[in-house]
């Protein structure tokens, strides 16, 4: 059984409409956190809503579209979180990532730059986080 040590903490999980992000959302919710489920495009909205509805307490979760590869993206995400849960964000799980699924040494500069921009804009735009920031990529914790 999960510890409820995150009761009433507010957590944003980027790239959370499926995969690792969705699993992180479920675990945070099981531990009592109020969660914001970020998704990239309107095409992913139904997936994000399905994740929200799958939670034991879906009323403590919200979905938010934001493209973190743009300068506006992090601010849109923060605004959605503030609207749903107030102006307190305790946890940011920076799970969103873009890039080809190829060996690193096969990547070109454009692909590497695009991946770097998403990771750095998300962290740069996270000045509104009052607590912990965790960055995840392909299952590896980066910070």
Protein backbone atom coordinates (compact mmCIF):
# COMPACT_ATOMS: atom_id res chain seq x y z
CA UNK A 1 0.00 0.00 0.00
CA UNK A 2 1.26 3.48 -0.88
CA UNK A 3 2.21 6.02 1.74
CA UNK A 4 -0.05 9.07 1.81
CA UNK A 5 2.92 11.39 2.41
CA UNK A 6 1.88 13.65 -0.50
CA UNK A 7 -1.62 14.51 0.73
CA UNK A 8 -2.65 17.93 -0.63
CA UNK A 9 0.66 18.52 -2.40
CA UNK A 10 0.23 19.92 -5.92
CA UNK A 11 2.19 18.13 -8.65
CA UNK A 12 2.56 18.90 -12.34
CA UNK A 13 3.65 16.04 -14.57
CA UNK A 14 4.64 16.99 -18.11
CA UNK A 15 4.19 14.52 -20.95
CA UNK A 16 1.64 12.71 -18.79
CA UNK A 17 -1.01 11.51 -21.23
CA UNK A 18 0.61 8.06 -21.55
CA UNK A 19 3.62 5.92 -20.68
CA UNK A 20 5.99 6.90 -17.90
CA UNK A 21 4.22 10.22 -17.31
CA UNK A 22 0.83 8.55 -16.83
CA UNK A 23 2.38 6.04 -14.41
CA UNK A 24 3.96 8.87 -12.42
CA UNK A 25 0.58 10.66 -12.26
CA UNK A 26 -1.07 7.51 -10.92
CA UNK A 27 1.57 7.03 -8.23
CA UNK A 28 1.45 10.67 -7.10
CA UNK A 29 -2.35 10.53 -6.98
CA UNK A 30 -2.29 7.25 -5.02
CA UNK A 31 -0.10 9.01 -2.47
CA UNK A 32 -2.62 11.83 -2.09
CA UNK A 33 -1.21 14.52 -4.40
CA UNK A 34 -3.42 16.79 -6.48
CA UNK A 35 -2.08 16.44 -10.02
CA UNK A 36 -1.94 18.38 -13.27
CA UNK A 37 -1.73 16.07 -16.28
CA UNK A 38 0.08 17.87 -19.09
CA UNK A 39 -0.37 16.88 -22.73
CA UNK A 40 1.13 18.36 -25.89
CA UNK A 41 -1.58 18.62 -28.56
CA UNK A 42 -5.37 18.51 -28.85
CA UNK A 43 -4.99 15.00 -30.32
CA UNK A 44 -3.74 13.81 -26.89
CA UNK A 45 -6.59 15.36 -24.88
CA UNK A 46 -8.67 12.16 -24.79
CA UNK A 47 -5.67 10.17 -23.55
CA UNK A 48 -5.02 12.73 -20.80
CA UNK A 49 -8.68 12.67 -19.78
CA UNK A 50 -8.60 8.86 -19.66
CA UNK A 51 -5.61 9.05 -17.30
CA UNK A 52 -7.51 11.54 -15.10
CA UNK A 53 -10.62 9.35 -15.01
CA UNK A 54 -8.53 6.28 -14.11
CA UNK A 55 -7.39 7.86 -10.84
CA UNK A 56 -8.93 6.92 -7.51
CA UNK A 57 -9.70 10.62 -6.94
CA UNK A 58 -10.18 12.15 -10.41
CA UNK A 59 -11.68 15.26 -8.82
CA UNK A 60 -8.18 16.05 -7.51
CA UNK A 61 -6.69 16.07 -11.01
CA UNK A 62 -6.88 18.35 -14.00
CA UNK A 63 -5.60 18.12 -17.55
CA UNK A 64 -3.70 20.93 -19.25
CA UNK A 65 -2.52 21.36 -22.83
CA UNK A 66 0.85 23.10 -23.14
CA UNK A 67 3.63 22.82 -25.69
CA UNK A 68 6.81 23.08 -23.65
CA UNK A 69 8.93 23.61 -26.77
CA UNK A 70 7.59 27.19 -26.92
CA UNK A 71 8.35 30.11 -24.63
CA UNK A 72 4.64 30.38 -23.77
CA UNK A 73 4.25 26.71 -22.85
CA UNK A 74 5.55 26.71 -19.26
CA UNK A 75 3.50 29.80 -18.41
CA UNK A 76 0.32 28.25 -19.83
CA UNK A 77 0.94 25.15 -17.76
CA UNK A 78 1.53 27.17 -14.59
CA UNK A 79 -1.65 29.17 -15.21
CA UNK A 80 -3.71 26.00 -15.63
CA UNK A 81 -2.27 24.59 -12.40
CA UNK A 82 -2.97 27.83 -10.52
CA UNK A 83 -6.55 27.93 -11.80
CA UNK A 84 -7.20 24.34 -10.70
CA UNK A 85 -5.20 24.14 -7.48
CA UNK A 86 -4.23 27.65 -6.37
CA UNK A 87 -0.88 29.37 -6.59
CA UNK A 88 1.13 26.61 -4.94
CA UNK A 89 3.09 24.02 -6.90
CA UNK A 90 5.07 21.62 -4.76
CA UNK A 91 6.35 19.16 -7.36
CA UNK A 92 7.25 19.38 -11.04
CA UNK A 93 8.05 16.15 -12.83
CA UNK A 94 9.65 17.24 -16.09
CA UNK A 95 8.88 14.14 -18.14
CA UNK A 96 8.10 15.72 -21.53
CA UNK A 97 10.68 15.02 -24.18
CA UNK A 98 11.03 15.11 -27.92
CA UNK A 99 13.54 13.55 -30.23
CA UNK A 100 14.10 10.57 -32.44
CA UNK A 101 14.48 7.15 -30.83
CA UNK A 102 17.94 6.53 -32.27
CA UNK A 103 21.41 6.12 -30.77
CA UNK A 104 22.86 9.39 -29.51
CA UNK A 105 25.80 9.29 -31.91
CA UNK A 106 23.35 9.02 -34.83
CA UNK A 107 21.48 12.20 -33.85
CA UNK A 108 21.95 15.38 -35.83
CA UNK A 109 22.40 18.82 -34.28
CA UNK A 110 18.83 19.90 -35.06
CA UNK A 111 17.30 16.93 -33.21
CA UNK A 112 19.61 17.36 -30.22
CA UNK A 113 18.87 21.09 -30.05
CA UNK A 114 15.10 20.50 -30.14
CA UNK A 115 15.33 17.98 -27.28
CA UNK A 116 17.54 20.34 -25.27
CA UNK A 117 15.12 23.26 -25.77
CA UNK A 118 12.17 21.28 -24.37
CA UNK A 119 14.13 20.21 -21.30
CA UNK A 120 15.62 23.64 -20.61
CA UNK A 121 12.49 25.72 -21.29
CA UNK A 122 10.52 23.51 -18.94
CA UNK A 123 13.09 24.02 -16.17
CA UNK A 124 13.63 27.71 -16.98
CA UNK A 125 9.90 28.31 -16.85
CA UNK A 126 9.59 26.47 -13.55
CA UNK A 127 10.51 29.41 -11.32
CA UNK A 128 6.98 29.13 -9.91
CA UNK A 129 7.67 25.72 -8.33
CA UNK A 130 7.89 25.96 -4.54
CA UNK A 131 9.23 22.46 -4.00
CA UNK A 132 10.99 19.72 -5.92
CA UNK A 133 11.79 19.41 -9.63
CA UNK A 134 12.53 15.97 -11.04
CA UNK A 135 13.57 15.55 -14.68
CA UNK A 136 12.99 12.18 -16.32
CA UNK A 137 13.92 11.03 -19.81
CA UNK A 138 13.39 7.57 -21.17
CA UNK A 139 13.19 6.21 -17.65
CA UNK A 140 16.44 7.80 -16.48
CA UNK A 141 16.45 10.42 -13.74
CA UNK A 142 18.59 13.36 -14.83
CA UNK A 143 18.40 15.65 -11.80
